[in-house]
Every structure is written in structure tokens, then in C-alpha cells.
Amino acid sequence: MKIHESAENYLETILILSRTGKTVRSVDIAGELDYSKPSVSIAMKNLRESGHITVDGDGHITLTDSGREIAQKMYDRHILFSDWLMRLGVDEETAKRDACKMEHSISEQSFLAFQRHMEDWERLSKDV
């Protein structure tokens, strides 16, 4: 099932925030993305109803298996594209911003081809 780019961004942000070891709440997401609390609240309701997150009685947000799968996919894409752009000489801020756009637009087939190419390139550059 295809979800909207904004939902992918929310899930990726939850994944990143959860890796700090702290619990994730809507206010944390709003702060990280610089979105309003009401906007985040609506998004969390939609993600909860679609089965991508759970929210406990204290407002702590956890990714479900489906949410984690989507978030990890976006995160992996983001890292690959931002690293690639920085290696090409793009400054870090621009690379991260552009990678965020690229991660949502590219097809799975094209991403996998790009990923294979980058792995081959890494392997070849180590041999030189």
C-alpha cells in the first residue's frame, strides 16, 4: 500500500528519534520537523488508524512492523542519497535537503539499481 510522502517523513522521524533511546511523543516530532502540534496530532491519528504506529496512554509513540519497514526504507534511501551528494561536493545541508526529496520520488527498481551501482563503486574504489 502506497502512503503519502508526509506520512513517510513522519515515520522516518519517529525512527530517528526512537534511536536516541528516549520515548517519542508528538511534541518531539513537532519540534524535530518544525510543524505545529495540531498538524502532528492529526498525522499521528492517521498513522495509528492505518496501523503504522501505536500510542500508549502516556502518549508514547511506537512504530509497528509496517511503520518500521516504511521508516527504515526511507531512512536507508536518505542516507545513501545524502552520502552520495556530499561525495560529489554538495554541502551537507543541501545534500540532506535534496536527499529528502529524492528518497520519496524514486521507484524501488531505480533505487535498487542505484544502490547496486554505489556498492560496486565502493568496492572498486577500495581496490584502487
C-alpha atoms as a PDB file:
ATOM      1  CA  MET A   1       0.000   0.000   0.000  1.00  0.00           C
ATOM      2  CA  LYS A   2       1.426   3.377  -1.018  1.00  0.00           C
ATOM      3  CA  ILE A   3       1.318   6.093   1.614  1.00  0.00           C
ATOM      4  CA  HIS A   4       1.794   9.817   1.235  1.00  0.00           C
ATOM      5  CA  GLU A   5       5.203  11.437   1.350  1.00  0.00           C
ATOM      6  CA  SER A   6       4.289  13.313   4.519  1.00  0.00           C
ATOM      7  CA  ALA A   7       3.428  10.048   6.270  1.00  0.00           C
ATOM      8  CA  GLU A   8       6.768   8.609   5.177  1.00  0.00           C
ATOM      9  CA  ASN A   9       8.502  11.666   6.670  1.00  0.00           C
ATOM     10  CA  TYR A  10       6.666  11.268   9.964  1.00  0.00           C
ATOM     11  CA  LEU A  11       7.545   7.575  10.180  1.00  0.00           C
ATOM     12  CA  GLU A  12      11.187   8.243   9.344  1.00  0.00           C
ATOM     13  CA  THR A  13      11.310  10.967  12.006  1.00  0.00           C
ATOM     14  CA  ILE A  14       9.826   8.615  14.607  1.00  0.00           C
ATOM     15  CA  LEU A  15      12.503   6.047  13.715  1.00  0.00           C
ATOM     16  CA  ILE A  16      15.304   8.596  14.031  1.00  0.00           C
ATOM     17  CA  LEU A  17      14.001   9.974  17.329  1.00  0.00           C
ATOM     18  CA  SER A  18      13.476   6.492  18.760  1.00  0.00           C
ATOM     19  CA  ARG A  19      17.125   5.665  18.140  1.00  0.00           C
ATOM     20  CA  THR A  20      18.110   8.202  20.792  1.00  0.00           C
ATOM     21  CA  GLY A  21      16.768   5.778  23.381  1.00  0.00           C
ATOM     22  CA  LYS A  22      14.124   8.176  24.610  1.00  0.00           C
ATOM     23  CA  THR A  23      10.401   7.746  24.188  1.00  0.00           C
ATOM     24  CA  VAL A  24       8.892   9.611  21.254  1.00  0.00           C
ATOM     25  CA  ARG A  25       5.900  11.897  21.694  1.00  0.00           C
ATOM     26  CA  SER A  26       4.020  14.133  19.292  1.00  0.00           C
ATOM     27  CA  VAL A  27       5.708  17.212  20.733  1.00  0.00           C
ATOM     28  CA  ASP A  28       9.120  15.712  19.888  1.00  0.00           C
ATOM     29  CA  ILE A  29       8.057  15.151  16.293  1.00  0.00           C
ATOM     30  CA  ALA A  30       6.637  18.675  16.037  1.00  0.00           C
ATOM     31  CA  GLY A  31       9.924  20.096  17.318  1.00  0.00           C
ATOM     32  CA  GLU A  32      12.066  17.978  15.029  1.00  0.00           C
ATOM     33  CA  LEU A  33      10.076  18.805  11.890  1.00  0.00           C
ATOM     34  CA  ASP A  34       9.111  22.341  12.939  1.00  0.00           C
ATOM     35  CA  TYR A  35       5.421  21.531  12.427  1.00  0.00           C
ATOM     36  CA  SER A  36       2.516  22.665  14.564  1.00  0.00           C
ATOM     37  CA  LYS A  37       1.350  20.346  17.334  1.00  0.00           C
ATOM     38  CA  PRO A  38      -2.193  20.122  15.876  1.00  0.00           C
ATOM     39  CA  SER A  39      -0.803  19.066  12.479  1.00  0.00           C
ATOM     40  CA  VAL A  40       1.318  16.362  14.086  1.00  0.00           C
ATOM     41  CA  SER A  41      -1.625  15.221  16.206  1.00  0.00           C
ATOM     42  CA  ILE A  42      -3.769  14.715  13.093  1.00  0.00           C
ATOM     43  CA  ALA A  43      -0.955  12.866  11.341  1.00  0.00           C
ATOM     44  CA  MET A  44      -0.424  10.584  14.341  1.00  0.00           C
ATOM     45  CA  LYS A  45      -4.144   9.792  14.408  1.00  0.00           C
ATOM     46  CA  ASN A  46      -3.994   8.834  10.724  1.00  0.00           C
ATOM     47  CA  LEU A  47      -0.849   6.736  11.193  1.00  0.00           C
ATOM     48  CA  ARG A  48      -2.392   4.999  14.190  1.00  0.00           C
ATOM     49  CA  GLU A  49      -5.598   4.252  12.267  1.00  0.00           C
ATOM     50  CA  SER A  50      -3.601   2.886   9.333  1.00  0.00           C
ATOM     51  CA  GLY A  51      -1.696   0.579  11.679  1.00  0.00           C
ATOM     52  CA  HIS A  52       1.759   2.124  11.286  1.00  0.00           C
ATOM     53  CA  ILE A  53       2.159   3.324  14.890  1.00  0.00           C
ATOM     54  CA  THR A  54       0.795   2.654  18.334  1.00  0.00           C
ATOM     55  CA  VAL A  55       0.309   5.303  21.002  1.00  0.00           C
ATOM     56  CA  ASP A  56       0.128   4.300  24.659  1.00  0.00           C
ATOM     57  CA  GLY A  57      -1.824   6.010  27.421  1.00  0.00           C
ATOM     58  CA  ASP A  58       1.090   8.359  28.146  1.00  0.00           C
ATOM     59  CA  GLY A  59       1.319   9.487  24.519  1.00  0.00           C
ATOM     60  CA  HIS A  60       4.447   7.483  23.722  1.00  0.00           C
ATOM     61  CA  ILE A  61       4.621   6.607  20.036  1.00  0.00           C
ATOM     62  CA  THR A  62       5.999   3.312  18.754  1.00  0.00           C
ATOM     63  CA  LEU A  63       6.359   2.086  15.203  1.00  0.00           C
ATOM     64  CA  THR A  64       4.557  -1.115  14.274  1.00  0.00           C
ATOM     65  CA  ASP A  65       6.242  -3.606  11.963  1.00  0.00           C
ATOM     66  CA  SER A  66       4.680  -1.950   8.902  1.00  0.00           C
ATOM     67  CA  GLY A  67       5.634   1.526  10.158  1.00  0.00           C
ATOM     68  CA  ARG A  68       9.191   0.444  10.886  1.00  0.00           C
ATOM     69  CA  GLU A  69       9.514  -1.115   7.430  1.00  0.00           C
ATOM     70  CA  ILE A  70       8.463   2.110   5.705  1.00  0.00           C
ATOM     71  CA  ALA A  71      10.582   4.277   8.020  1.00  0.00           C
ATOM     72  CA  GLN A  72      13.692   2.133   7.526  1.00  0.00           C
ATOM     73  CA  LYS A  73      13.221   2.175   3.758  1.00  0.00           C
ATOM     74  CA  MET A  74      13.059   5.981   3.732  1.00  0.00           C
ATOM     75  CA  TYR A  75      15.984   6.295   6.129  1.00  0.00           C
ATOM     76  CA  ASP A  76      18.182   3.955   4.052  1.00  0.00           C
ATOM     77  CA  ARG A  77      17.378   5.939   0.926  1.00  0.00           C
ATOM     78  CA  HIS A  78      18.066   9.221   2.694  1.00  0.00           C
ATOM     79  CA  ILE A  79      21.476   8.074   3.934  1.00  0.00           C
ATOM     80  CA  LEU A  80      22.537   6.691   0.556  1.00  0.00           C
ATOM     81  CA  PHE A  81      21.487   9.789  -1.382  1.00  0.00           C
ATOM     82  CA  SER A  82      22.866  12.328   1.097  1.00  0.00           C
ATOM     83  CA  ASP A  83      26.216  10.495   1.307  1.00  0.00           C
ATOM     84  CA  TRP A  84      26.421  10.292  -2.478  1.00  0.00           C
ATOM     85  CA  LEU A  85      25.669  14.000  -2.906  1.00  0.00           C
ATOM     86  CA  MET A  86      28.247  15.001  -0.292  1.00  0.00           C
ATOM     87  CA  ARG A  87      30.872  12.839  -2.042  1.00  0.00           C
ATOM     88  CA  LEU A  88      30.097  14.807  -5.182  1.00  0.00           C
ATOM     89  CA  GLY A  89      30.918  18.027  -3.307  1.00  0.00           C
ATOM     90  CA  VAL A  90      27.443  19.174  -2.273  1.00  0.00           C
ATOM     91  CA  ASP A  91      27.402  20.810   1.164  1.00  0.00           C
ATOM     92  CA  GLU A  92      25.813  18.729   3.923  1.00  0.00           C
ATOM     93  CA  GLU A  93      22.687  20.857   4.439  1.00  0.00           C
ATOM     94  CA  THR A  94      21.844  20.928   0.730  1.00  0.00           C
ATOM     95  CA  ALA A  95      22.637  17.220   0.340  1.00  0.00           C
ATOM     96  CA  LYS A  96      20.281  16.282   3.178  1.00  0.00           C
ATOM     97  CA  ARG A  97      17.512  18.524   1.866  1.00  0.00           C
ATOM     98  CA  ASP A  98      17.841  17.157  -1.665  1.00  0.00           C
ATOM     99  CA  ALA A  99      18.109  13.560  -0.433  1.00  0.00           C
ATOM    100  CA  CYS A 100      14.791  14.032   1.367  1.00  0.00           C
ATOM    101  CA  LYS A 101      13.161  14.913  -1.943  1.00  0.00           C
ATOM    102  CA  MET A 102      14.858  12.100  -3.834  1.00  0.00           C
ATOM    103  CA  GLU A 103      14.017   9.365  -1.320  1.00  0.00           C
ATOM    104  CA  HIS A 104      10.296   9.767  -1.920  1.00  0.00           C
ATOM    105  CA  SER A 105      10.349  10.158  -5.689  1.00  0.00           C
ATOM    106  CA  ILE A 106      12.472   7.295  -6.939  1.00  0.00           C
ATOM    107  CA  SER A 107      10.945   3.908  -7.754  1.00  0.00           C
ATOM    108  CA  GLU A 108      12.034   0.803  -5.879  1.00  0.00           C
ATOM    109  CA  GLN A 109      13.563  -0.616  -9.079  1.00  0.00           C
ATOM    110  CA  SER A 110      15.628   2.518  -9.712  1.00  0.00           C
ATOM    111  CA  PHE A 111      16.698   2.774  -6.082  1.00  0.00           C
ATOM    112  CA  LEU A 112      17.902  -0.833  -6.023  1.00  0.00           C
ATOM    113  CA  ALA A 113      19.847  -0.266  -9.250  1.00  0.00           C
ATOM    114  CA  PHE A 114      21.374   2.893  -7.778  1.00  0.00           C
ATOM    115  CA  GLN A 115      22.220   1.055  -4.567  1.00  0.00           C
ATOM    116  CA  ARG A 116      23.943  -1.773  -6.501  1.00  0.00           C
ATOM    117  CA  HIS A 117      25.889   0.789  -8.505  1.00  0.00           C
ATOM    118  CA  MET A 118      27.061   2.552  -5.335  1.00  0.00           C
ATOM    119  CA  GLU A 119      28.101  -0.766  -3.752  1.00  0.00           C
ATOM    120  CA  ASP A 120      30.063  -1.676  -6.895  1.00  0.00           C
ATOM    121  CA  TRP A 121      31.650   1.767  -6.952  1.00  0.00           C
ATOM    122  CA  GLU A 122      32.638   1.437  -3.276  1.00  0.00           C
ATOM    123  CA  ARG A 123      34.168  -1.976  -3.922  1.00  0.00           C
ATOM    124  CA  LEU A 124      36.093  -0.735  -6.972  1.00  0.00           C
ATOM    125  CA  SER A 125      37.357   2.414  -5.219  1.00  0.00           C
ATOM    126  CA  LYS A 126      38.760   0.296  -2.369  1.00  0.00           C
ATOM    127  CA  ASP A 127      40.675  -1.842  -4.842  1.00  0.00           C
ATOM    128  CA  VAL A 128      42.460   1.186  -6.343  1.00  0.00           C
END
